[in-house]
Amino acid sequence: KRALRQAAAENPLLDDGMDFIVRHTDTRCTHRDRWGYGGAGELPR
């Protein structure tokens, strides 16, 4: 996120909206879920 925010700061045609989509509830981590430790929450739907 920091690297993308820096990219926005360096490009005059990019506005910083990196705080416009913020997760407030846990979901399961897909690449870990196949090994049984994806954590709490739902898988993508």
PDB file of all heavy atoms in Angstrom:
ATOM      1  N   LYS A   1       0.827  -1.202   0.000  1.00  0.00           N
ATOM      2  CA  LYS A   1       0.000   0.000   0.000  1.00  0.00           C
ATOM      3  C   LYS A   1       0.862   1.252   0.000  1.00  0.00           C
ATOM      4  O   LYS A   1       0.568   2.224  -0.701  1.00  0.00           O
ATOM      5  CB  LYS A   1      -0.945  -0.010   1.206  1.00  0.00           C
ATOM      6  CG  LYS A   1      -1.929   1.147   1.220  1.00  0.00           C
ATOM      7  CD  LYS A   1      -2.974   0.976   2.310  1.00  0.00           C
ATOM      8  CE  LYS A   1      -4.012   2.096   2.245  1.00  0.00           C
ATOM      9  NZ  LYS A   1      -5.098   1.901   3.224  1.00  0.00           N
ATOM     10  N   ARG A   2       1.933   1.251   0.770  1.00  0.00           N
ATOM     11  CA  ARG A   2       2.820   2.417   0.799  1.00  0.00           C
ATOM     12  C   ARG A   2       3.456   2.668  -0.568  1.00  0.00           C
ATOM     13  O   ARG A   2       3.580   3.813  -1.009  1.00  0.00           O
ATOM     14  CB  ARG A   2       3.900   2.226   1.862  1.00  0.00           C
ATOM     15  CG  ARG A   2       3.412   2.383   3.280  1.00  0.00           C
ATOM     16  CD  ARG A   2       4.570   2.493   4.259  1.00  0.00           C
ATOM     17  NE  ARG A   2       5.419   1.313   4.260  1.00  0.00           N
ATOM     18  CZ  ARG A   2       5.201   0.236   5.018  1.00  0.00           C
ATOM     19  NH1 ARG A   2       4.148   0.188   5.819  1.00  0.00           N
ATOM     20  NH2 ARG A   2       6.023  -0.798   4.977  1.00  0.00           N
ATOM     21  N   ALA A   3       3.881   1.589  -1.239  1.00  0.00           N
ATOM     22  CA  ALA A   3       4.513   1.742  -2.544  1.00  0.00           C
ATOM     23  C   ALA A   3       3.528   2.295  -3.567  1.00  0.00           C
ATOM     24  O   ALA A   3       3.887   3.154  -4.396  1.00  0.00           O
ATOM     25  CB  ALA A   3       5.074   0.403  -3.011  1.00  0.00           C
ATOM     26  N   LEU A   4       2.282   1.833  -3.524  1.00  0.00           N
ATOM     27  CA  LEU A   4       1.277   2.344  -4.443  1.00  0.00           C
ATOM     28  C   LEU A   4       0.956   3.804  -4.143  1.00  0.00           C
ATOM     29  O   LEU A   4       0.767   4.616  -5.061  1.00  0.00           O
ATOM     30  CB  LEU A   4       0.012   1.487  -4.355  1.00  0.00           C
ATOM     31  CG  LEU A   4       0.133   0.075  -4.940  1.00  0.00           C
ATOM     32  CD1 LEU A   4      -1.102  -0.747  -4.603  1.00  0.00           C
ATOM     33  CD2 LEU A   4       0.329   0.140  -6.451  1.00  0.00           C
ATOM     34  N   ARG A   5       0.887   4.130  -2.876  1.00  0.00           N
ATOM     35  CA  ARG A   5       0.627   5.522  -2.500  1.00  0.00           C
ATOM     36  C   ARG A   5       1.756   6.433  -2.993  1.00  0.00           C
ATOM     37  O   ARG A   5       1.505   7.552  -3.449  1.00  0.00           O
ATOM     38  CB  ARG A   5       0.469   5.608  -0.988  1.00  0.00           C
ATOM     39  CG  ARG A   5       0.295   7.002  -0.441  1.00  0.00           C
ATOM     40  CD  ARG A   5      -0.411   6.961   0.903  1.00  0.00           C
ATOM     41  NE  ARG A   5      -1.840   6.958   0.737  1.00  0.00           N
ATOM     42  CZ  ARG A   5      -2.703   6.447   1.633  1.00  0.00           C
ATOM     43  NH1 ARG A   5      -2.258   5.869   2.732  1.00  0.00           N
ATOM     44  NH2 ARG A   5      -3.991   6.518   1.415  1.00  0.00           N
ATOM     45  N   GLN A   6       2.984   5.958  -2.908  1.00  0.00           N
ATOM     46  CA  GLN A   6       4.107   6.735  -3.427  1.00  0.00           C
ATOM     47  C   GLN A   6       3.989   6.915  -4.935  1.00  0.00           C
ATOM     48  O   GLN A   6       4.286   7.984  -5.466  1.00  0.00           O
ATOM     49  CB  GLN A   6       5.422   6.045  -3.073  1.00  0.00           C
ATOM     50  CG  GLN A   6       6.665   6.789  -3.539  1.00  0.00           C
ATOM     51  CD  GLN A   6       6.800   8.158  -2.907  1.00  0.00           C
ATOM     52  OE1 GLN A   6       6.415   8.357  -1.750  1.00  0.00           O
ATOM     53  NE2 GLN A   6       7.329   9.108  -3.661  1.00  0.00           N
ATOM     54  N   ALA A   7       3.544   5.865  -5.628  1.00  0.00           N
ATOM     55  CA  ALA A   7       3.354   5.960  -7.073  1.00  0.00           C
ATOM     56  C   ALA A   7       2.329   7.027  -7.422  1.00  0.00           C
ATOM     57  O   ALA A   7       2.489   7.771  -8.402  1.00  0.00           O
ATOM     58  CB  ALA A   7       2.929   4.600  -7.630  1.00  0.00           C
ATOM     59  N   ALA A   8       1.268   7.114  -6.640  1.00  0.00           N
ATOM     60  CA  ALA A   8       0.252   8.138  -6.878  1.00  0.00           C
ATOM     61  C   ALA A   8       0.819   9.532  -6.671  1.00  0.00           C
ATOM     62  O   ALA A   8       0.500  10.472  -7.410  1.00  0.00           O
ATOM     63  CB  ALA A   8      -0.951   7.918  -5.959  1.00  0.00           C
ATOM     64  N   ALA A   9       1.689   9.666  -5.667  1.00  0.00           N
ATOM     65  CA  ALA A   9       2.282  10.967  -5.377  1.00  0.00           C
ATOM     66  C   ALA A   9       3.219  11.416  -6.501  1.00  0.00           C
ATOM     67  O   ALA A   9       3.377  12.617  -6.745  1.00  0.00           O
ATOM     68  CB  ALA A   9       3.039  10.915  -4.054  1.00  0.00           C
ATOM     69  N   GLU A  10       3.833  10.463  -7.209  1.00  0.00           N
ATOM     70  CA  GLU A  10       4.802  10.786  -8.251  1.00  0.00           C
ATOM     71  C   GLU A  10       4.160  11.012  -9.612  1.00  0.00           C
ATOM     72  O   GLU A  10       4.819  11.544 -10.517  1.00  0.00           O
ATOM     73  CB  GLU A  10       5.826   9.655  -8.367  1.00  0.00           C
ATOM     74  CG  GLU A  10       6.695   9.481  -7.129  1.00  0.00           C
ATOM     75  CD  GLU A  10       7.579   8.262  -7.215  1.00  0.00           C
ATOM     76  OE1 GLU A  10       7.435   7.496  -8.198  1.00  0.00           O
ATOM     77  OE2 GLU A  10       8.411   8.066  -6.310  1.00  0.00           O
ATOM     78  N   ASN A  11       2.912  10.598  -9.789  1.00  0.00           N
ATOM     79  CA  ASN A  11       2.257  10.684 -11.094  1.00  0.00           C
ATOM     80  C   ASN A  11       1.164  11.751 -11.047  1.00  0.00           C
ATOM     81  O   ASN A  11       0.173  11.595 -10.331  1.00  0.00           O
ATOM     82  CB  ASN A  11       1.657   9.320 -11.451  1.00  0.00           C
ATOM     83  CG  ASN A  11       1.136   9.260 -12.877  1.00  0.00           C
ATOM     84  OD1 ASN A  11       0.614  10.231 -13.407  1.00  0.00           O
ATOM     85  ND2 ASN A  11       1.249   8.099 -13.492  1.00  0.00           N
ATOM     86  N   PRO A  12       1.308  12.847 -11.797  1.00  0.00           N
ATOM     87  CA  PRO A  12       0.320  13.927 -11.729  1.00  0.00           C
ATOM     88  C   PRO A  12      -1.064  13.543 -12.239  1.00  0.00           C
ATOM     89  O   PRO A  12      -2.024  14.273 -11.992  1.00  0.00           O
ATOM     90  CB  PRO A  12       0.945  15.024 -12.600  1.00  0.00           C
ATOM     91  CG  PRO A  12       1.869  14.300 -13.527  1.00  0.00           C
ATOM     92  CD  PRO A  12       2.406  13.146 -12.738  1.00  0.00           C
ATOM     93  N   LEU A  13      -1.164  12.392 -12.919  1.00  0.00           N
ATOM     94  CA  LEU A  13      -2.460  11.945 -13.424  1.00  0.00           C
ATOM     95  C   LEU A  13      -3.101  10.876 -12.539  1.00  0.00           C
ATOM     96  O   LEU A  13      -4.125  10.307 -12.906  1.00  0.00           O
ATOM     97  CB  LEU A  13      -2.313  11.416 -14.856  1.00  0.00           C
ATOM     98  CG  LEU A  13      -1.958  12.465 -15.914  1.00  0.00           C
ATOM     99  CD1 LEU A  13      -1.776  11.814 -17.275  1.00  0.00           C
ATOM    100  CD2 LEU A  13      -3.038  13.541 -15.993  1.00  0.00           C
ATOM    101  N   LEU A  14      -2.495  10.619 -11.382  1.00  0.00           N
ATOM    102  CA  LEU A  14      -3.069   9.671 -10.431  1.00  0.00           C
ATOM    103  C   LEU A  14      -3.469  10.394  -9.159  1.00  0.00           C
ATOM    104  O   LEU A  14      -2.666  11.120  -8.566  1.00  0.00           O
ATOM    105  CB  LEU A  14      -2.063   8.568 -10.081  1.00  0.00           C
ATOM    106  CG  LEU A  14      -1.884   7.423 -11.074  1.00  0.00           C
ATOM    107  CD1 LEU A  14      -0.812   6.469 -10.579  1.00  0.00           C
ATOM    108  CD2 LEU A  14      -3.190   6.689 -11.323  1.00  0.00           C
ATOM    109  N   ASP A  15      -4.702  10.198  -8.736  1.00  0.00           N
ATOM    110  CA  ASP A  15      -5.170  10.701  -7.447  1.00  0.00           C
ATOM    111  C   ASP A  15      -5.148   9.556  -6.449  1.00  0.00           C
ATOM    112  O   ASP A  15      -5.451   8.405  -6.785  1.00  0.00           O
ATOM    113  CB  ASP A  15      -6.584  11.263  -7.573  1.00  0.00           C
ATOM    114  CG  ASP A  15      -6.627  12.483  -8.488  1.00  0.00           C
ATOM    115  OD1 ASP A  15      -5.716  13.320  -8.400  1.00  0.00           O
ATOM    116  OD2 ASP A  15      -7.573  12.579  -9.303  1.00  0.00           O
ATOM    117  N   ASP A  16      -4.812   9.868  -5.213  1.00  0.00           N
ATOM    118  CA  ASP A  16      -4.663   8.853  -4.175  1.00  0.00           C
ATOM    119  C   ASP A  16      -6.023   8.474  -3.581  1.00  0.00           C
ATOM    120  O   ASP A  16      -6.625   9.236  -2.846  1.00  0.00           O
ATOM    121  CB  ASP A  16      -3.741   9.386  -3.074  1.00  0.00           C
ATOM    122  CG  ASP A  16      -3.399   8.329  -2.028  1.00  0.00           C
ATOM    123  OD1 ASP A  16      -4.054   7.272  -1.998  1.00  0.00           O
ATOM    124  OD2 ASP A  16      -2.469   8.575  -1.241  1.00  0.00           O
ATOM    125  N   GLY A  17      -6.475   7.273  -3.940  1.00  0.00           N
ATOM    126  CA  GLY A  17      -7.697   6.732  -3.359  1.00  0.00           C
ATOM    127  C   GLY A  17      -7.425   5.453  -2.598  1.00  0.00           C
ATOM    128  O   GLY A  17      -8.306   4.582  -2.476  1.00  0.00           O
ATOM    129  N   MET A  18      -6.212   5.321  -2.047  1.00  0.00           N
ATOM    130  CA  MET A  18      -5.810   4.076  -1.405  1.00  0.00           C
ATOM    131  C   MET A  18      -6.540   3.817  -0.089  1.00  0.00           C
ATOM    132  O   MET A  18      -6.440   2.728   0.459  1.00  0.00           O
ATOM    133  CB  MET A  18      -4.297   4.064  -1.190  1.00  0.00           C
ATOM    134  CG  MET A  18      -3.490   3.948  -2.482  1.00  0.00           C
ATOM    135  SD  MET A  18      -3.887   2.466  -3.441  1.00  0.00           S
ATOM    136  CE  MET A  18      -3.358   1.186  -2.325  1.00  0.00           C
ATOM    137  N   ASP A  19      -7.255   4.804   0.420  1.00  0.00           N
ATOM    138  CA  ASP A  19      -8.080   4.587   1.614  1.00  0.00           C
ATOM    139  C   ASP A  19      -9.568   4.515   1.271  1.00  0.00           C
ATOM    140  O   ASP A  19     -10.412   4.621   2.166  1.00  0.00           O
ATOM    141  CB  ASP A  19      -7.847   5.714   2.632  1.00  0.00           C
ATOM    142  CG  ASP A  19      -6.479   5.631   3.269  1.00  0.00           C
ATOM    143  OD1 ASP A  19      -5.969   4.506   3.453  1.00  0.00           O
ATOM    144  OD2 ASP A  19      -5.902   6.692   3.586  1.00  0.00           O
ATOM    145  N   PHE A  20      -9.888   4.350   0.006  1.00  0.00           N
ATOM    146  CA  PHE A  20     -11.288   4.357  -0.410  1.00  0.00           C
ATOM    147  C   PHE A  20     -11.945   2.979  -0.385  1.00  0.00           C
ATOM    148  O   PHE A  20     -13.157   2.872  -0.506  1.00  0.00           O
ATOM    149  CB  PHE A  20     -11.417   4.965  -1.809  1.00  0.00           C
ATOM    150  CG  PHE A  20     -11.231   6.462  -1.842  1.00  0.00           C
ATOM    151  CD1 PHE A  20     -11.297   7.156  -3.035  1.00  0.00           C
ATOM    152  CD2 PHE A  20     -10.984   7.172  -0.684  1.00  0.00           C
ATOM    153  CE1 PHE A  20     -11.139   8.529  -3.068  1.00  0.00           C
ATOM    154  CE2 PHE A  20     -10.817   8.546  -0.705  1.00  0.00           C
ATOM    155  CZ  PHE A  20     -10.896   9.229  -1.899  1.00  0.00           C
ATOM    156  N   ILE A  21     -11.147   1.918  -0.246  1.00  0.00           N
ATOM    157  CA  ILE A  21     -11.675   0.559  -0.072  1.00  0.00           C
ATOM    158  C   ILE A  21     -10.915  -0.043   1.106  1.00  0.00           C
ATOM    159  O   ILE A  21      -9.746  -0.421   0.966  1.00  0.00           O
ATOM    160  CB  ILE A  21     -11.497  -0.317  -1.324  1.00  0.00           C
ATOM    161  CG1 ILE A  21     -11.997   0.389  -2.580  1.00  0.00           C
ATOM    162  CG2 ILE A  21     -12.227  -1.650  -1.138  1.00  0.00           C
ATOM    163  CD1 ILE A  21     -11.709  -0.373  -3.868  1.00  0.00           C
ATOM    164  N   VAL A  22     -11.559  -0.128   2.257  1.00  0.00           N
ATOM    165  CA  VAL A  22     -10.878  -0.558   3.479  1.00  0.00           C
ATOM    166  C   VAL A  22     -11.637  -1.727   4.098  1.00  0.00           C
ATOM    167  O   VAL A  22     -12.843  -1.622   4.377  1.00  0.00           O
ATOM    168  CB  VAL A  22     -10.770   0.604   4.486  1.00  0.00           C
ATOM    169  CG1 VAL A  22     -10.144   0.121   5.787  1.00  0.00           C
ATOM    170  CG2 VAL A  22      -9.952   1.746   3.887  1.00  0.00           C
ATOM    171  N   ARG A  23     -10.938  -2.818   4.313  1.00  0.00           N
ATOM    172  CA  ARG A  23     -11.556  -4.014   4.906  1.00  0.00           C
ATOM    173  C   ARG A  23     -11.841  -3.779   6.388  1.00  0.00           C
ATOM    174  O   ARG A  23     -10.958  -3.371   7.135  1.00  0.00           O
ATOM    175  CB  ARG A  23     -10.609  -5.206   4.756  1.00  0.00           C
ATOM    176  CG  ARG A  23     -11.175  -6.533   5.252  1.00  0.00           C
ATOM    177  CD  ARG A  23     -11.956  -7.255   4.187  1.00  0.00           C
ATOM    178  NE  ARG A  23     -11.115  -7.659   3.077  1.00  0.00           N
ATOM    179  CZ  ARG A  23     -11.600  -8.221   1.958  1.00  0.00           C
ATOM    180  NH1 ARG A  23     -12.903  -8.420   1.819  1.00  0.00           N
ATOM    181  NH2 ARG A  23     -10.783  -8.564   0.977  1.00  0.00           N
ATOM    182  N   HIS A  24     -13.079  -4.042   6.808  1.00  0.00           N
ATOM    183  CA  HIS A  24     -13.423  -3.907   8.224  1.00  0.00           C
ATOM    184  C   HIS A  24     -13.772  -5.246   8.876  1.00  0.00           C
ATOM    185  O   HIS A  24     -13.889  -5.335  10.103  1.00  0.00           O
ATOM    186  CB  HIS A  24     -14.584  -2.927   8.413  1.00  0.00           C
ATOM    187  CG  HIS A  24     -15.843  -3.279   7.662  1.00  0.00           C
ATOM    188  ND1 HIS A  24     -16.620  -4.373   7.963  1.00  0.00           N
ATOM    189  CD2 HIS A  24     -16.459  -2.643   6.627  1.00  0.00           C
ATOM    190  CE1 HIS A  24     -17.664  -4.413   7.147  1.00  0.00           C
ATOM    191  NE2 HIS A  24     -17.588  -3.379   6.323  1.00  0.00           N
ATOM    192  N   THR A  25     -13.924  -6.304   8.064  1.00  0.00           N
ATOM    193  CA  THR A  25     -14.271  -7.626   8.584  1.00  0.00           C
ATOM    194  C   THR A  25     -13.376  -8.663   7.922  1.00  0.00           C
ATOM    195  O   THR A  25     -13.192  -8.645   6.704  1.00  0.00           O
ATOM    196  CB  THR A  25     -15.751  -7.959   8.296  1.00  0.00           C
ATOM    197  OG1 THR A  25     -16.584  -6.955   8.902  1.00  0.00           O
ATOM    198  CG2 THR A  25     -16.116  -9.329   8.848  1.00  0.00           C
ATOM    199  N   ASP A  26     -12.820  -9.564   8.716  1.00  0.00           N
ATOM    200  CA  ASP A  26     -11.908 -10.578   8.190  1.00  0.00           C
ATOM    201  C   ASP A  26     -12.599 -11.490   7.188  1.00  0.00           C
ATOM    202  O   ASP A  26     -13.772 -11.866   7.349  1.00  0.00           O
ATOM    203  CB  ASP A  26     -11.363 -11.454   9.323  1.00  0.00           C
ATOM    204  CG  ASP A  26     -10.334 -10.736  10.178  1.00  0.00           C
ATOM    205  OD1 ASP A  26      -9.931  -9.610   9.814  1.00  0.00           O
ATOM    206  OD2 ASP A  26      -9.936 -11.310  11.213  1.00  0.00           O
ATOM    207  N   THR A  27     -11.846 -11.873   6.158  1.00  0.00           N
ATOM    208  CA  THR A  27     -12.250 -12.944   5.249  1.00  0.00           C
ATOM    209  C   THR A  27     -11.123 -13.971   5.232  1.00  0.00           C
ATOM    210  O   THR A  27     -10.025 -13.727   5.759  1.00  0.00           O
ATOM    211  CB  THR A  27     -12.495 -12.409   3.828  1.00  0.00           C
ATOM    212  OG1 THR A  27     -11.289 -11.824   3.320  1.00  0.00           O
ATOM    213  CG2 THR A  27     -13.598 -11.358   3.841  1.00  0.00           C
ATOM    214  N   ARG A  28     -11.378 -15.117   4.627  1.00  0.00           N
ATOM    215  CA  ARG A  28     -10.354 -16.151   4.599  1.00  0.00           C
ATOM    216  C   ARG A  28      -9.322 -15.873   3.513  1.00  0.00           C
ATOM    217  O   ARG A  28      -9.659 -15.414   2.418  1.00  0.00           O
ATOM    218  CB  ARG A  28     -10.994 -17.516   4.389  1.00  0.00           C
ATOM    219  CG  ARG A  28     -11.561 -18.077   5.702  1.00  0.00           C
ATOM    220  CD  ARG A  28     -12.675 -19.051   5.480  1.00  0.00           C
ATOM    221  NE  ARG A  28     -12.233 -20.322   4.931  1.00  0.00           N
ATOM    222  CZ  ARG A  28     -13.076 -21.285   4.576  1.00  0.00           C
ATOM    223  NH1 ARG A  28     -14.386 -21.116   4.707  1.00  0.00           N
ATOM    224  NH2 ARG A  28     -12.608 -22.419   4.112  1.00  0.00           N
ATOM    225  N   CYS A  29      -8.083 -16.146   3.822  1.00  0.00           N
ATOM    226  CA  CYS A  29      -6.974 -15.960   2.881  1.00  0.00           C
ATOM    227  C   CYS A  29      -6.959 -17.162   1.927  1.00  0.00           C
ATOM    228  O   CYS A  29      -6.731 -18.294   2.356  1.00  0.00           O
ATOM    229  CB  CYS A  29      -5.668 -15.849   3.645  1.00  0.00           C
ATOM    230  SG  CYS A  29      -4.229 -15.571   2.617  1.00  0.00           S
ATOM    231  N   THR A  30      -7.198 -16.907   0.650  1.00  0.00           N
ATOM    232  CA  THR A  30      -7.435 -18.014  -0.280  1.00  0.00           C
ATOM    233  C   THR A  30      -6.215 -18.913  -0.462  1.00  0.00           C
ATOM    234  O   THR A  30      -6.343 -20.141  -0.489  1.00  0.00           O
ATOM    235  CB  THR A  30      -7.877 -17.468  -1.649  1.00  0.00           C
ATOM    236  OG1 THR A  30      -6.927 -16.495  -2.097  1.00  0.00           O
ATOM    237  CG2 THR A  30      -9.234 -16.819  -1.544  1.00  0.00           C
ATOM    238  N   HIS A  31      -5.011 -18.315  -0.621  1.00  0.00           N
ATOM    239  CA  HIS A  31      -3.864 -19.179  -0.896  1.00  0.00           C
ATOM    240  C   HIS A  31      -3.451 -19.973   0.336  1.00  0.00           C
ATOM    241  O   HIS A  31      -2.823 -21.027   0.218  1.00  0.00           O
ATOM    242  CB  HIS A  31      -2.683 -18.363  -1.451  1.00  0.00           C
ATOM    243  CG  HIS A  31      -2.055 -17.411  -0.488  1.00  0.00           C
ATOM    244  ND1 HIS A  31      -2.558 -16.152  -0.273  1.00  0.00           N
ATOM    245  CD2 HIS A  31      -0.967 -17.527   0.311  1.00  0.00           C
ATOM    246  CE1 HIS A  31      -1.797 -15.529   0.610  1.00  0.00           C
ATOM    247  NE2 HIS A  31      -0.838 -16.339   0.985  1.00  0.00           N
ATOM    248  N   ARG A  32      -3.829 -19.514   1.530  1.00  0.00           N
ATOM    249  CA  ARG A  32      -3.539 -20.287   2.736  1.00  0.00           C
ATOM    250  C   ARG A  32      -4.636 -21.299   3.041  1.00  0.00           C
ATOM    251  O   ARG A  32      -4.390 -22.315   3.682  1.00  0.00           O
ATOM    252  CB  ARG A  32      -3.404 -19.350   3.931  1.00  0.00           C
ATOM    253  CG  ARG A  32      -2.150 -18.530   3.941  1.00  0.00           C
ATOM    254  CD  ARG A  32      -2.089 -17.794   5.237  1.00  0.00           C
ATOM    255  NE  ARG A  32      -0.968 -16.891   5.305  1.00  0.00           N
ATOM    256  CZ  ARG A  32      -0.753 -16.101   6.332  1.00  0.00           C
ATOM    257  NH1 ARG A  32      -1.579 -16.110   7.362  1.00  0.00           N
ATOM    258  NH2 ARG A  32       0.281 -15.292   6.340  1.00  0.00           N
ATOM    259  N   ASP A  33      -5.836 -20.990   2.583  1.00  0.00           N
ATOM    260  CA  ASP A  33      -6.968 -21.835   2.952  1.00  0.00           C
ATOM    261  C   ASP A  33      -6.806 -23.263   2.446  1.00  0.00           C
ATOM    262  O   ASP A  33      -7.274 -24.211   3.081  1.00  0.00           O
ATOM    263  CB  ASP A  33      -8.264 -21.229   2.408  1.00  0.00           C
ATOM    264  CG  ASP A  33      -9.491 -21.819   3.074  1.00  0.00           C
ATOM    265  OD1 ASP A  33      -9.693 -21.566   4.280  1.00  0.00           O
ATOM    266  OD2 ASP A  33     -10.244 -22.545   2.392  1.00  0.00           O
ATOM    267  N   ARG A  34      -6.131 -23.414   1.319  1.00  0.00           N
ATOM    268  CA  ARG A  34      -5.935 -24.764   0.771  1.00  0.00           C
ATOM    269  C   ARG A  34      -5.086 -25.634   1.694  1.00  0.00           C
ATOM    270  O   ARG A  34      -5.111 -26.854   1.606  1.00  0.00           O
ATOM    271  CB  ARG A  34      -5.303 -24.673  -0.618  1.00  0.00           C
ATOM    272  CG  ARG A  34      -3.866 -24.234  -0.624  1.00  0.00           C
ATOM    273  CD  ARG A  34      -3.342 -23.988  -2.021  1.00  0.00           C
ATOM    274  NE  ARG A  34      -3.927 -22.800  -2.620  1.00  0.00           N
ATOM    275  CZ  ARG A  34      -3.578 -22.311  -3.802  1.00  0.00           C
ATOM    276  NH1 ARG A  34      -2.658 -22.920  -4.513  1.00  0.00           N
ATOM    277  NH2 ARG A  34      -4.135 -21.227  -4.276  1.00  0.00           N
ATOM    278  N   TRP A  35      -4.309 -24.989   2.589  1.00  0.00           N
ATOM    279  CA  TRP A  35      -3.484 -25.716   3.541  1.00  0.00           C
ATOM    280  C   TRP A  35      -4.117 -25.753   4.924  1.00  0.00           C
ATOM    281  O   TRP A  35      -3.514 -26.263   5.866  1.00  0.00           O
ATOM    282  CB  TRP A  35      -2.092 -25.092   3.621  1.00  0.00           C
ATOM    283  CG  TRP A  35      -1.434 -24.946   2.292  1.00  0.00           C
ATOM    284  CD1 TRP A  35      -1.160 -23.785   1.632  1.00  0.00           C
ATOM    285  CD2 TRP A  35      -1.005 -26.000   1.419  1.00  0.00           C
ATOM    286  NE1 TRP A  35      -0.577 -24.036   0.418  1.00  0.00           N
ATOM    287  CE2 TRP A  35      -0.467 -25.395   0.260  1.00  0.00           C
ATOM    288  CE3 TRP A  35      -1.016 -27.393   1.514  1.00  0.00           C
ATOM    289  CZ2 TRP A  35       0.045 -26.137  -0.799  1.00  0.00           C
ATOM    290  CZ3 TRP A  35      -0.502 -28.129   0.445  1.00  0.00           C
ATOM    291  CH2 TRP A  35       0.017 -27.504  -0.681  1.00  0.00           C
ATOM    292  N   GLY A  36      -5.309 -25.179   5.047  1.00  0.00           N
ATOM    293  CA  GLY A  36      -6.045 -25.297   6.300  1.00  0.00           C
ATOM    294  C   GLY A  36      -5.829 -24.181   7.296  1.00  0.00           C
ATOM    295  O   GLY A  36      -6.275 -24.292   8.437  1.00  0.00           O
ATOM    296  N   TYR A  37      -5.155 -23.080   6.883  1.00  0.00           N
ATOM    297  CA  TYR A  37      -4.974 -21.983   7.826  1.00  0.00           C
ATOM    298  C   TYR A  37      -5.301 -20.635   7.160  1.00  0.00           C
ATOM    299  O   TYR A  37      -4.553 -19.672   7.255  1.00  0.00           O
ATOM    300  CB  TYR A  37      -3.566 -21.977   8.434  1.00  0.00           C
ATOM    301  CG  TYR A  37      -2.410 -22.077   7.467  1.00  0.00           C
ATOM    302  CD1 TYR A  37      -1.797 -20.920   6.958  1.00  0.00           C
ATOM    303  CD2 TYR A  37      -1.909 -23.316   7.082  1.00  0.00           C
ATOM    304  CE1 TYR A  37      -0.733 -21.004   6.089  1.00  0.00           C
ATOM    305  CE2 TYR A  37      -0.840 -23.406   6.209  1.00  0.00           C
ATOM    306  CZ  TYR A  37      -0.251 -22.245   5.722  1.00  0.00           C
ATOM    307  OH  TYR A  37       0.806 -22.343   4.855  1.00  0.00           O
ATOM    308  N   GLY A  38      -6.463 -20.600   6.536  1.00  0.00           N
ATOM    309  CA  GLY A  38      -6.899 -19.367   5.881  1.00  0.00           C
ATOM    310  C   GLY A  38      -7.484 -18.344   6.832  1.00  0.00           C
ATOM    311  O   GLY A  38      -7.726 -17.206   6.445  1.00  0.00           O
ATOM    312  N   GLY A  39      -7.714 -18.760   8.085  1.00  0.00           N
ATOM    313  CA  GLY A  39      -8.243 -17.826   9.070  1.00  0.00           C
ATOM    314  C   GLY A  39      -9.752 -17.766   9.064  1.00  0.00           C
ATOM    315  O   GLY A  39     -10.441 -18.549   8.395  1.00  0.00           O
ATOM    316  N   ALA A  40     -10.278 -16.809   9.817  1.00  0.00           N
ATOM    317  CA  ALA A  40     -11.727 -16.666   9.964  1.00  0.00           C
ATOM    318  C   ALA A  40     -12.326 -15.940   8.770  1.00  0.00           C
ATOM    319  O   ALA A  40     -11.638 -15.266   8.015  1.00  0.00           O
ATOM    320  CB  ALA A  40     -12.034 -15.903  11.255  1.00  0.00           C
ATOM    321  N   GLY A  41     -13.651 -16.097   8.636  1.00  0.00           N
ATOM    322  CA  GLY A  41     -14.377 -15.373   7.600  1.00  0.00           C
ATOM    323  C   GLY A  41     -14.739 -16.232   6.415  1.00  0.00           C
ATOM    324  O   GLY A  41     -14.521 -17.444   6.395  1.00  0.00           O
ATOM    325  N   GLU A  42     -15.278 -15.575   5.398  1.00  0.00           N
ATOM    326  CA  GLU A  42     -15.759 -16.262   4.204  1.00  0.00           C
ATOM    327  C   GLU A  42     -14.697 -16.277   3.114  1.00  0.00           C
ATOM    328  O   GLU A  42     -13.826 -15.417   3.051  1.00  0.00           O
ATOM    329  CB  GLU A  42     -16.991 -15.548   3.648  1.00  0.00           C
ATOM    330  CG  GLU A  42     -18.207 -15.557   4.542  1.00  0.00           C
ATOM    331  CD  GLU A  42     -19.386 -14.885   3.861  1.00  0.00           C
ATOM    332  OE1 GLU A  42     -19.931 -15.472   2.907  1.00  0.00           O
ATOM    333  OE2 GLU A  42     -19.742 -13.771   4.275  1.00  0.00           O
ATOM    334  N   LEU A  43     -14.835 -17.260   2.225  1.00  0.00           N
ATOM    335  CA  LEU A  43     -14.058 -17.286   0.997  1.00  0.00           C
ATOM    336  C   LEU A  43     -14.711 -16.359  -0.025  1.00  0.00           C
ATOM    337  O   LEU A  43     -15.865 -15.944   0.153  1.00  0.00           O
ATOM    338  CB  LEU A  43     -13.985 -18.720   0.460  1.00  0.00           C
ATOM    339  CG  LEU A  43     -13.068 -19.679   1.217  1.00  0.00           C
ATOM    340  CD1 LEU A  43     -13.269 -21.104   0.722  1.00  0.00           C
ATOM    341  CD2 LEU A  43     -11.607 -19.257   1.073  1.00  0.00           C
ATOM    342  N   PRO A  44     -13.996 -16.011  -1.106  1.00  0.00           N
ATOM    343  CA  PRO A  44     -14.562 -15.086  -2.097  1.00  0.00           C
ATOM    344  C   PRO A  44     -15.908 -15.543  -2.625  1.00  0.00           C
ATOM    345  O   PRO A  44     -16.113 -16.724  -2.914  1.00  0.00           O
ATOM    346  CB  PRO A  44     -13.503 -15.088  -3.207  1.00  0.00           C
ATOM    347  CG  PRO A  44     -12.234 -15.403  -2.497  1.00  0.00           C
ATOM    348  CD  PRO A  44     -12.611 -16.391  -1.428  1.00  0.00           C
ATOM    349  N   ARG A  45     -16.800 -14.578  -2.753  1.00  0.00           N
ATOM    350  CA  ARG A  45     -18.125 -14.787  -3.338  1.00  0.00           C
ATOM    351  C   ARG A  45     -18.601 -13.440  -3.861  1.00  0.00           C
ATOM    352  O   ARG A  45     -18.091 -12.394  -3.472  1.00  0.00           O
ATOM    353  CB  ARG A  45     -19.111 -15.321  -2.292  1.00  0.00           C
ATOM    354  CG  ARG A  45     -19.317 -14.369  -1.115  1.00  0.00           C
ATOM    355  CD  ARG A  45     -20.523 -14.724  -0.281  1.00  0.00           C
ATOM    356  NE  ARG A  45     -20.620 -13.909   0.919  1.00  0.00           N
ATOM    357  CZ  ARG A  45     -21.083 -12.673   0.960  1.00  0.00           C
ATOM    358  NH1 ARG A  45     -21.498 -12.073  -0.145  1.00  0.00           N
ATOM    359  NH2 ARG A  45     -21.125 -12.000   2.107  1.00  0.00           N
TER     360      ARG A  45
END
